[in-house]
């Protein structure tokens, strides 16, 4: 790899979530990722959790995930990152949505600055 190749600006990145976080792709594989997270959550239910309430808990989680995914997609999201394990016993109310880069318009310098000396703008007296 040449030096020139090393100096190029990156055109993307990977976000590496910390332990206890899960990733939900929003274009393909969304359903599979949600199913995996729900299975994991059900497996972590307390021992005394009523077995008859497990289907209701699954349904509630599924509805919540669908709502979060819908909102993330509406904002142009490509990937959703969220904590799925408690932090010191507390659930974290946070998520991160990775979206496509935003186009930033390029600004051109005013013509008088472009023609003037480098680093020096020509100033005009506003009273004239």
Foldseek 3Di string as FASTA:
>chain_A
DDPVVVPDDDQDDDDDDDPQKFKAFLPPPNVVRLVVLLVVVLVPDDPPDDPVCSVVVSVVSVVVSVVVSVVLVVVQFGMKMAGSDADVNHHDPDIDGDHRDDDDDDDDDPPQQVPDDPPDGDDDDPVD
